[in-house]
Amino acid sequence: LMVGLMYLGLGDSVDHSDIISRTSLLFYVAAFLVFMSVAVLPFFIFERNVFVRERANGWYYVPAYVLATFLMSLPGLFLISLVSTTLVVLPAELNGYWVFLLDLFLSLTVAEAYMAVIASLVPHYIIGIALGAATYGFFMLCEGFLIVRSDIPDYFIWGHYIAFHTYSFRPFMVNEFEPIKHFDSQQFKDGNAVIEFYEMDDKPIWKDMMVLIGYALLLQIIFATILQVYHKGKR
């Protein structure tokens, strides 16, 4: 709500400064809500201890446990995405409500799966939060907002391609700017010019969505593999 009110009525404005406001808003929403997923890491750690004990007793099986926790997380993630989208898109009058909602939902799903992987690896949640925050910070740096893809040094360009933030932020940008046919700006005549400036005109939205779905499934498989191999418990 605070973000929506901060950018109230932004969709009606087409000045050059409003282009900066739109891109900043999209970056903030994507980065902040994904970053907040580190808050769930302690719960994964505490639940891991229960899982190890019950697996040792023969009550928990890895595939069933991972599938159940994944499916149970989806309604909550969708509700967070729905409320956040409504409180941002409608007051700010942004474009593409449903695409925004789907992109945010998939991004949070990937973020939660990534936190599950970290929780299965670290001995203490403080270490996990620090590791998650560090990787998210690096991913945010490489996603294409703070520095465009062609300006990223060769020794860091891999970060652009492996960061799921890249495939989360690009649909937000294309969804918002592609429908805009005119800006009162000498640099950007329309929304497509903004997309081209940020070098996000080469991938359709649906491809980035598929990448996010692939990331979510891959991370769940990695999570299950770690549990299967390293968290067997003792009878």
C-alpha atoms as a PDB file:
ATOM      1  CA  LEU A   1       0.000   0.000   0.000  1.00  0.00           C
ATOM      2  CA  MET A   2       2.821   2.393   0.865  1.00  0.00           C
ATOM      3  CA  VAL A   3       4.410   1.806  -2.556  1.00  0.00           C
ATOM      4  CA  GLY A   4       1.101   2.248  -4.375  1.00  0.00           C
ATOM      5  CA  LEU A   5       0.420   5.536  -2.599  1.00  0.00           C
ATOM      6  CA  MET A   6       3.968   6.767  -3.172  1.00  0.00           C
ATOM      7  CA  TYR A   7       3.471   6.352  -6.937  1.00  0.00           C
ATOM      8  CA  LEU A   8      -0.233   7.233  -6.962  1.00  0.00           C
ATOM      9  CA  GLY A   9      -1.501   7.928 -10.487  1.00  0.00           C
ATOM     10  CA  LEU A  10       1.869   7.321 -12.105  1.00  0.00           C
ATOM     11  CA  GLY A  11       0.271   5.590 -15.090  1.00  0.00           C
ATOM     12  CA  ASP A  12      -1.286   8.896 -16.266  1.00  0.00           C
ATOM     13  CA  SER A  13       2.107  10.625 -16.552  1.00  0.00           C
ATOM     14  CA  VAL A  14       4.319  10.450 -19.644  1.00  0.00           C
ATOM     15  CA  ASP A  15       7.162  12.846 -18.772  1.00  0.00           C
ATOM     16  CA  HIS A  16      10.802  11.770 -18.877  1.00  0.00           C
ATOM     17  CA  SER A  17      11.013  11.750 -15.082  1.00  0.00           C
ATOM     18  CA  ASP A  18       8.051   9.392 -14.973  1.00  0.00           C
ATOM     19  CA  ILE A  19      10.020   6.839 -16.997  1.00  0.00           C
ATOM     20  CA  ILE A  20      12.594   6.792 -14.204  1.00  0.00           C
ATOM     21  CA  SER A  21       9.810   6.484 -11.635  1.00  0.00           C
ATOM     22  CA  ARG A  22       8.252   3.521 -13.446  1.00  0.00           C
ATOM     23  CA  THR A  23      11.513   1.603 -13.772  1.00  0.00           C
ATOM     24  CA  SER A  24      12.439   2.341 -10.150  1.00  0.00           C
ATOM     25  CA  LEU A  25       9.033   1.194  -8.952  1.00  0.00           C
ATOM     26  CA  LEU A  26       9.236  -2.081 -10.873  1.00  0.00           C
ATOM     27  CA  PHE A  27      12.759  -2.759  -9.644  1.00  0.00           C
ATOM     28  CA  TYR A  28      11.807  -2.021  -6.044  1.00  0.00           C
ATOM     29  CA  VAL A  29       8.711  -4.205  -6.030  1.00  0.00           C
ATOM     30  CA  ALA A  30      10.509  -7.163  -7.603  1.00  0.00           C
ATOM     31  CA  ALA A  31      13.647  -6.801  -5.480  1.00  0.00           C
ATOM     32  CA  PHE A  32      11.969  -6.046  -2.144  1.00  0.00           C
ATOM     33  CA  LEU A  33       9.327  -8.763  -2.174  1.00  0.00           C
ATOM     34  CA  VAL A  34      11.781 -11.397  -3.376  1.00  0.00           C
ATOM     35  CA  PHE A  35      14.348 -10.263  -0.810  1.00  0.00           C
ATOM     36  CA  MET A  36      11.787 -10.644   1.976  1.00  0.00           C
ATOM     37  CA  SER A  37      11.753 -14.388   1.319  1.00  0.00           C
ATOM     38  CA  VAL A  38      14.854 -14.657   3.547  1.00  0.00           C
ATOM     39  CA  ALA A  39      12.455 -14.191   6.474  1.00  0.00           C
ATOM     40  CA  VAL A  40      11.063 -17.699   5.985  1.00  0.00           C
ATOM     41  CA  LEU A  41      14.475 -19.354   6.274  1.00  0.00           C
ATOM     42  CA  PRO A  42      14.370 -19.901  10.090  1.00  0.00           C
ATOM     43  CA  PHE A  43      11.104 -21.817   9.691  1.00  0.00           C
ATOM     44  CA  PHE A  44      12.714 -24.096   7.112  1.00  0.00           C
ATOM     45  CA  ILE A  45      15.583 -24.732   9.537  1.00  0.00           C
ATOM     46  CA  PHE A  46      13.245 -25.595  12.421  1.00  0.00           C
ATOM     47  CA  GLU A  47      11.110 -27.803  10.189  1.00  0.00           C
ATOM     48  CA  ARG A  48      14.235 -29.570   8.936  1.00  0.00           C
ATOM     49  CA  ASN A  49      14.921 -30.919  12.419  1.00  0.00           C
ATOM     50  CA  VAL A  50      11.393 -32.333  12.581  1.00  0.00           C
ATOM     51  CA  PHE A  51      11.815 -33.862   9.134  1.00  0.00           C
ATOM     52  CA  VAL A  52      15.077 -35.599  10.082  1.00  0.00           C
ATOM     53  CA  ARG A  53      13.545 -37.080  13.220  1.00  0.00           C
ATOM     54  CA  GLU A  54      10.378 -38.282  11.529  1.00  0.00           C
ATOM     55  CA  ARG A  55      12.262 -39.637   8.539  1.00  0.00           C
ATOM     56  CA  ALA A  56      14.401 -41.691  10.900  1.00  0.00           C
ATOM     57  CA  ASN A  57      11.180 -43.045  12.438  1.00  0.00           C
ATOM     58  CA  GLY A  58       9.900 -44.007   9.008  1.00  0.00           C
ATOM     59  CA  TRP A  59       7.033 -41.504   8.891  1.00  0.00           C
ATOM     60  CA  TYR A  60       8.413 -39.033   6.336  1.00  0.00           C
ATOM     61  CA  TYR A  61       9.506 -39.781   2.784  1.00  0.00           C
ATOM     62  CA  VAL A  62      11.475 -37.207   0.829  1.00  0.00           C
ATOM     63  CA  PRO A  63       9.387 -37.016  -2.391  1.00  0.00           C
ATOM     64  CA  ALA A  64       6.105 -36.785  -0.508  1.00  0.00           C
ATOM     65  CA  TYR A  65       7.493 -34.251   1.965  1.00  0.00           C
ATOM     66  CA  VAL A  66       8.951 -31.964  -0.707  1.00  0.00           C
ATOM     67  CA  LEU A  67       5.814 -32.140  -2.857  1.00  0.00           C
ATOM     68  CA  ALA A  68       3.550 -31.472   0.118  1.00  0.00           C
ATOM     69  CA  THR A  69       5.527 -28.485   1.371  1.00  0.00           C
ATOM     70  CA  PHE A  70       5.711 -27.069  -2.154  1.00  0.00           C
ATOM     71  CA  LEU A  71       1.970 -27.381  -2.777  1.00  0.00           C
ATOM     72  CA  MET A  72       1.087 -26.038   0.655  1.00  0.00           C
ATOM     73  CA  SER A  73       3.193 -22.927   0.055  1.00  0.00           C
ATOM     74  CA  LEU A  74       1.421 -21.973  -3.181  1.00  0.00           C
ATOM     75  CA  PRO A  75      -1.858 -20.576  -1.751  1.00  0.00           C
ATOM     76  CA  GLY A  76       0.023 -18.311   0.651  1.00  0.00           C
ATOM     77  CA  LEU A  77       2.401 -17.114  -2.054  1.00  0.00           C
ATOM     78  CA  PHE A  78      -0.505 -16.431  -4.391  1.00  0.00           C
ATOM     79  CA  LEU A  79      -2.340 -14.472  -1.702  1.00  0.00           C
ATOM     80  CA  ILE A  80       0.745 -12.340  -1.033  1.00  0.00           C
ATOM     81  CA  SER A  81       1.140 -11.777  -4.779  1.00  0.00           C
ATOM     82  CA  LEU A  82      -2.532 -10.907  -5.222  1.00  0.00           C
ATOM     83  CA  VAL A  83      -2.602  -8.410  -2.370  1.00  0.00           C
ATOM     84  CA  SER A  84       0.720  -6.842  -3.389  1.00  0.00           C
ATOM     85  CA  THR A  85      -0.312  -6.559  -7.035  1.00  0.00           C
ATOM     86  CA  THR A  86      -3.647  -4.989  -6.141  1.00  0.00           C
ATOM     87  CA  LEU A  87      -2.083  -2.478  -3.755  1.00  0.00           C
ATOM     88  CA  VAL A  88       0.596  -1.447  -6.250  1.00  0.00           C
ATOM     89  CA  VAL A  89      -0.830  -1.773  -9.748  1.00  0.00           C
ATOM     90  CA  LEU A  90      -4.232  -0.195  -9.144  1.00  0.00           C
ATOM     91  CA  PRO A  91      -3.185   2.946  -7.184  1.00  0.00           C
ATOM     92  CA  ALA A  92      -0.185   3.532  -9.468  1.00  0.00           C
ATOM     93  CA  GLU A  93      -2.334   2.743 -12.542  1.00  0.00           C
ATOM     94  CA  LEU A  94       0.289   0.465 -14.062  1.00  0.00           C
ATOM     95  CA  ASN A  95      -0.309  -1.714 -17.102  1.00  0.00           C
ATOM     96  CA  GLY A  96      -1.034  -5.434 -17.277  1.00  0.00           C
ATOM     97  CA  TYR A  97      -2.504  -6.394 -13.907  1.00  0.00           C
ATOM     98  CA  TRP A  98      -2.662 -10.131 -14.613  1.00  0.00           C
ATOM     99  CA  VAL A  99       0.819 -10.403 -16.104  1.00  0.00           C
ATOM    100  CA  PHE A 100       2.184  -8.459 -13.123  1.00  0.00           C
ATOM    101  CA  LEU A 101       0.390 -10.852 -10.772  1.00  0.00           C
ATOM    102  CA  LEU A 102       1.660 -13.987 -12.521  1.00  0.00           C
ATOM    103  CA  ASP A 103       5.233 -12.691 -12.715  1.00  0.00           C
ATOM    104  CA  LEU A 104       5.257 -11.765  -9.037  1.00  0.00           C
ATOM    105  CA  PHE A 105       3.743 -15.107  -8.029  1.00  0.00           C
ATOM    106  CA  LEU A 106       6.330 -17.091 -10.006  1.00  0.00           C
ATOM    107  CA  SER A 107       9.144 -14.927  -8.646  1.00  0.00           C
ATOM    108  CA  LEU A 108       8.085 -15.550  -5.048  1.00  0.00           C
ATOM    109  CA  THR A 109       7.708 -19.267  -5.769  1.00  0.00           C
ATOM    110  CA  VAL A 110      11.286 -19.411  -7.047  1.00  0.00           C
ATOM    111  CA  ALA A 111      12.538 -17.334  -4.116  1.00  0.00           C
ATOM    112  CA  GLU A 112      10.928 -19.648  -1.574  1.00  0.00           C
ATOM    113  CA  ALA A 113      12.358 -22.711  -3.315  1.00  0.00           C
ATOM    114  CA  TYR A 114      15.801 -21.094  -3.262  1.00  0.00           C
ATOM    115  CA  MET A 115      15.473 -20.447   0.475  1.00  0.00           C
ATOM    116  CA  ALA A 116      14.535 -24.096   0.985  1.00  0.00           C
ATOM    117  CA  VAL A 117      17.750 -25.152  -0.765  1.00  0.00           C
ATOM    118  CA  ILE A 118      19.834 -22.831   1.410  1.00  0.00           C
ATOM    119  CA  ALA A 119      18.062 -24.028   4.557  1.00  0.00           C
ATOM    120  CA  SER A 120      18.949 -27.607   3.685  1.00  0.00           C
ATOM    121  CA  LEU A 121      22.647 -26.715   3.415  1.00  0.00           C
ATOM    122  CA  VAL A 122      23.477 -24.383   6.293  1.00  0.00           C
ATOM    123  CA  PRO A 123      23.831 -25.365   9.970  1.00  0.00           C
ATOM    124  CA  HIS A 124      22.232 -22.188  11.378  1.00  0.00           C
ATOM    125  CA  TYR A 125      19.611 -19.773  10.095  1.00  0.00           C
ATOM    126  CA  ILE A 126      21.838 -16.721  10.643  1.00  0.00           C
ATOM    127  CA  ILE A 127      24.326 -18.154   8.149  1.00  0.00           C
ATOM    128  CA  GLY A 128      21.466 -18.922   5.784  1.00  0.00           C
ATOM    129  CA  ILE A 129      20.047 -15.402   5.957  1.00  0.00           C
ATOM    130  CA  ALA A 130      23.490 -13.920   5.298  1.00  0.00           C
ATOM    131  CA  LEU A 131      24.059 -16.266   2.356  1.00  0.00           C
ATOM    132  CA  GLY A 132      20.613 -15.609   0.910  1.00  0.00           C
ATOM    133  CA  ALA A 133      20.968 -11.841   1.296  1.00  0.00           C
ATOM    134  CA  ALA A 134      24.405 -11.899  -0.344  1.00  0.00           C
ATOM    135  CA  THR A 135      23.262 -13.889  -3.373  1.00  0.00           C
ATOM    136  CA  TYR A 136      20.122 -11.796  -3.759  1.00  0.00           C
ATOM    137  CA  GLY A 137      22.224  -8.648  -3.645  1.00  0.00           C
ATOM    138  CA  PHE A 138      24.454 -10.006  -6.401  1.00  0.00           C
ATOM    139  CA  PHE A 139      21.466 -11.089  -8.486  1.00  0.00           C
ATOM    140  CA  MET A 140      19.886  -7.625  -8.119  1.00  0.00           C
ATOM    141  CA  LEU A 141      23.123  -6.054  -9.294  1.00  0.00           C
ATOM    142  CA  CYS A 142      23.181  -8.231 -12.422  1.00  0.00           C
ATOM    143  CA  GLU A 143      19.507  -8.265 -13.410  1.00  0.00           C
ATOM    144  CA  GLY A 144      19.733  -5.384 -15.877  1.00  0.00           C
ATOM    145  CA  PHE A 145      18.467  -2.328 -14.009  1.00  0.00           C
ATOM    146  CA  LEU A 146      21.464  -0.952 -12.141  1.00  0.00           C
ATOM    147  CA  ILE A 147      23.674  -1.756 -15.121  1.00  0.00           C
ATOM    148  CA  VAL A 148      22.492  -2.907 -18.541  1.00  0.00           C
ATOM    149  CA  ARG A 149      23.553  -6.296 -19.832  1.00  0.00           C
ATOM    150  CA  SER A 150      26.123  -5.066 -22.366  1.00  0.00           C
ATOM    151  CA  ASP A 151      27.920  -3.020 -19.679  1.00  0.00           C
ATOM    152  CA  ILE A 152      28.306  -5.913 -17.246  1.00  0.00           C
ATOM    153  CA  PRO A 153      31.979  -7.009 -17.145  1.00  0.00           C
ATOM    154  CA  ASP A 154      32.754 -10.341 -18.787  1.00  0.00           C
ATOM    155  CA  TYR A 155      33.784 -11.848 -15.448  1.00  0.00           C
ATOM    156  CA  PHE A 156      30.306 -11.119 -14.013  1.00  0.00           C
ATOM    157  CA  ILE A 157      28.076 -11.665 -17.058  1.00  0.00           C
ATOM    158  CA  TRP A 158      27.337 -15.201 -15.880  1.00  0.00           C
ATOM    159  CA  GLY A 159      25.510 -13.641 -12.945  1.00  0.00           C
ATOM    160  CA  HIS A 160      23.055 -12.012 -15.339  1.00  0.00           C
ATOM    161  CA  TYR A 161      22.102 -15.333 -16.869  1.00  0.00           C
ATOM    162  CA  ILE A 162      21.868 -17.463 -13.723  1.00  0.00           C
ATOM    163  CA  ALA A 163      20.035 -14.854 -11.620  1.00  0.00           C
ATOM    164  CA  PHE A 164      16.326 -15.581 -11.596  1.00  0.00           C
ATOM    165  CA  HIS A 165      15.873 -11.865 -10.918  1.00  0.00           C
ATOM    166  CA  THR A 166      16.747 -11.292 -14.587  1.00  0.00           C
ATOM    167  CA  TYR A 167      13.780 -13.354 -15.728  1.00  0.00           C
ATOM    168  CA  SER A 168      11.559 -11.767 -13.103  1.00  0.00           C
ATOM    169  CA  PHE A 169      12.386  -8.111 -13.777  1.00  0.00           C
ATOM    170  CA  ARG A 170      12.253  -8.287 -17.584  1.00  0.00           C
ATOM    171  CA  PRO A 171       8.544  -9.274 -17.771  1.00  0.00           C
ATOM    172  CA  PHE A 172       7.695  -6.446 -15.363  1.00  0.00           C
ATOM    173  CA  MET A 173       9.438  -3.996 -17.689  1.00  0.00           C
ATOM    174  CA  VAL A 174       8.007  -5.310 -20.945  1.00  0.00           C
ATOM    175  CA  ASN A 175       4.517  -5.614 -19.455  1.00  0.00           C
ATOM    176  CA  GLU A 176       4.601  -2.002 -18.291  1.00  0.00           C
ATOM    177  CA  PHE A 177       6.315  -0.220 -21.171  1.00  0.00           C
ATOM    178  CA  GLU A 178       5.303  -2.105 -24.313  1.00  0.00           C
ATOM    179  CA  PRO A 179       1.715  -0.732 -24.386  1.00  0.00           C
ATOM    180  CA  ILE A 180       2.878   2.891 -24.023  1.00  0.00           C
ATOM    181  CA  LYS A 181       2.922   4.585 -27.416  1.00  0.00           C
ATOM    182  CA  HIS A 182       4.220   8.023 -26.458  1.00  0.00           C
ATOM    183  CA  PHE A 183       6.484   9.731 -23.937  1.00  0.00           C
ATOM    184  CA  ASP A 184       7.269  13.450 -23.646  1.00  0.00           C
ATOM    185  CA  SER A 185      10.969  12.682 -23.750  1.00  0.00           C
ATOM    186  CA  GLN A 186      13.737  13.469 -26.207  1.00  0.00           C
ATOM    187  CA  GLN A 187      15.488  10.205 -25.381  1.00  0.00           C
ATOM    188  CA  PHE A 188      12.504   7.845 -25.349  1.00  0.00           C
ATOM    189  CA  LYS A 189       9.696   8.369 -27.844  1.00  0.00           C
ATOM    190  CA  ASP A 190       7.641   5.407 -26.572  1.00  0.00           C
ATOM    191  CA  GLY A 191       7.709   2.394 -24.279  1.00  0.00           C
ATOM    192  CA  ASN A 192       9.551   0.204 -26.766  1.00  0.00           C
ATOM    193  CA  ALA A 193      12.432   2.672 -26.758  1.00  0.00           C
ATOM    194  CA  VAL A 194      12.762   2.211 -22.997  1.00  0.00           C
ATOM    195  CA  ILE A 195      12.743  -1.571 -23.382  1.00  0.00           C
ATOM    196  CA  GLU A 196      15.443  -1.351 -26.049  1.00  0.00           C
ATOM    197  CA  PHE A 197      17.557   0.951 -23.867  1.00  0.00           C
ATOM    198  CA  TYR A 198      17.521  -1.629 -21.075  1.00  0.00           C
ATOM    199  CA  GLU A 199      18.245  -4.359 -23.656  1.00  0.00           C
ATOM    200  CA  MET A 200      15.099  -6.297 -22.802  1.00  0.00           C
ATOM    201  CA  ASP A 201      13.537  -6.435 -26.246  1.00  0.00           C
ATOM    202  CA  ASP A 202      14.940  -9.812 -27.275  1.00  0.00           C
ATOM    203  CA  LYS A 203      12.853 -12.138 -25.118  1.00  0.00           C
ATOM    204  CA  PRO A 204       9.029 -12.426 -25.044  1.00  0.00           C
ATOM    205  CA  ILE A 205       7.344 -12.479 -21.661  1.00  0.00           C
ATOM    206  CA  TRP A 206       6.210 -16.093 -21.906  1.00  0.00           C
ATOM    207  CA  LYS A 207       9.794 -17.338 -22.285  1.00  0.00           C
ATOM    208  CA  ASP A 208      10.857 -15.607 -19.078  1.00  0.00           C
ATOM    209  CA  MET A 209       7.814 -17.065 -17.322  1.00  0.00           C
ATOM    210  CA  MET A 210       8.811 -20.539 -18.476  1.00  0.00           C
ATOM    211  CA  VAL A 211      12.341 -19.966 -17.160  1.00  0.00           C
ATOM    212  CA  LEU A 212      10.903 -19.044 -13.745  1.00  0.00           C
ATOM    213  CA  ILE A 213       8.763 -22.187 -13.723  1.00  0.00           C
ATOM    214  CA  GLY A 214      11.845 -24.215 -14.652  1.00  0.00           C
ATOM    215  CA  TYR A 215      13.827 -22.579 -11.856  1.00  0.00           C
ATOM    216  CA  ALA A 216      11.119 -23.385  -9.303  1.00  0.00           C
ATOM    217  CA  LEU A 217      11.011 -27.052 -10.328  1.00  0.00           C
ATOM    218  CA  LEU A 218      14.804 -27.371 -10.532  1.00  0.00           C
ATOM    219  CA  LEU A 219      15.292 -25.883  -7.078  1.00  0.00           C
ATOM    220  CA  GLN A 220      12.691 -28.249  -5.631  1.00  0.00           C
ATOM    221  CA  ILE A 221      14.553 -31.190  -7.179  1.00  0.00           C
ATOM    222  CA  ILE A 222      17.830 -29.921  -5.707  1.00  0.00           C
ATOM    223  CA  PHE A 223      16.113 -29.492  -2.342  1.00  0.00           C
ATOM    224  CA  ALA A 224      14.798 -33.063  -2.477  1.00  0.00           C
ATOM    225  CA  THR A 225      18.198 -34.416  -3.503  1.00  0.00           C
ATOM    226  CA  ILE A 226      19.944 -32.720  -0.581  1.00  0.00           C
ATOM    227  CA  LEU A 227      17.372 -34.053   1.856  1.00  0.00           C
ATOM    228  CA  GLN A 228      17.655 -37.533   0.394  1.00  0.00           C
ATOM    229  CA  VAL A 229      21.441 -37.644   0.570  1.00  0.00           C
ATOM    230  CA  TYR A 230      22.426 -35.589   3.592  1.00  0.00           C
ATOM    231  CA  HIS A 231      19.465 -35.574   6.016  1.00  0.00           C
ATOM    232  CA  LYS A 232      18.766 -39.229   6.684  1.00  0.00           C
ATOM    233  CA  GLY A 233      18.696 -39.106  10.479  1.00  0.00           C
ATOM    234  CA  LYS A 234      19.366 -42.073  12.739  1.00  0.00           C
ATOM    235  CA  ARG A 235      17.055 -44.781  13.929  1.00  0.00           C
END
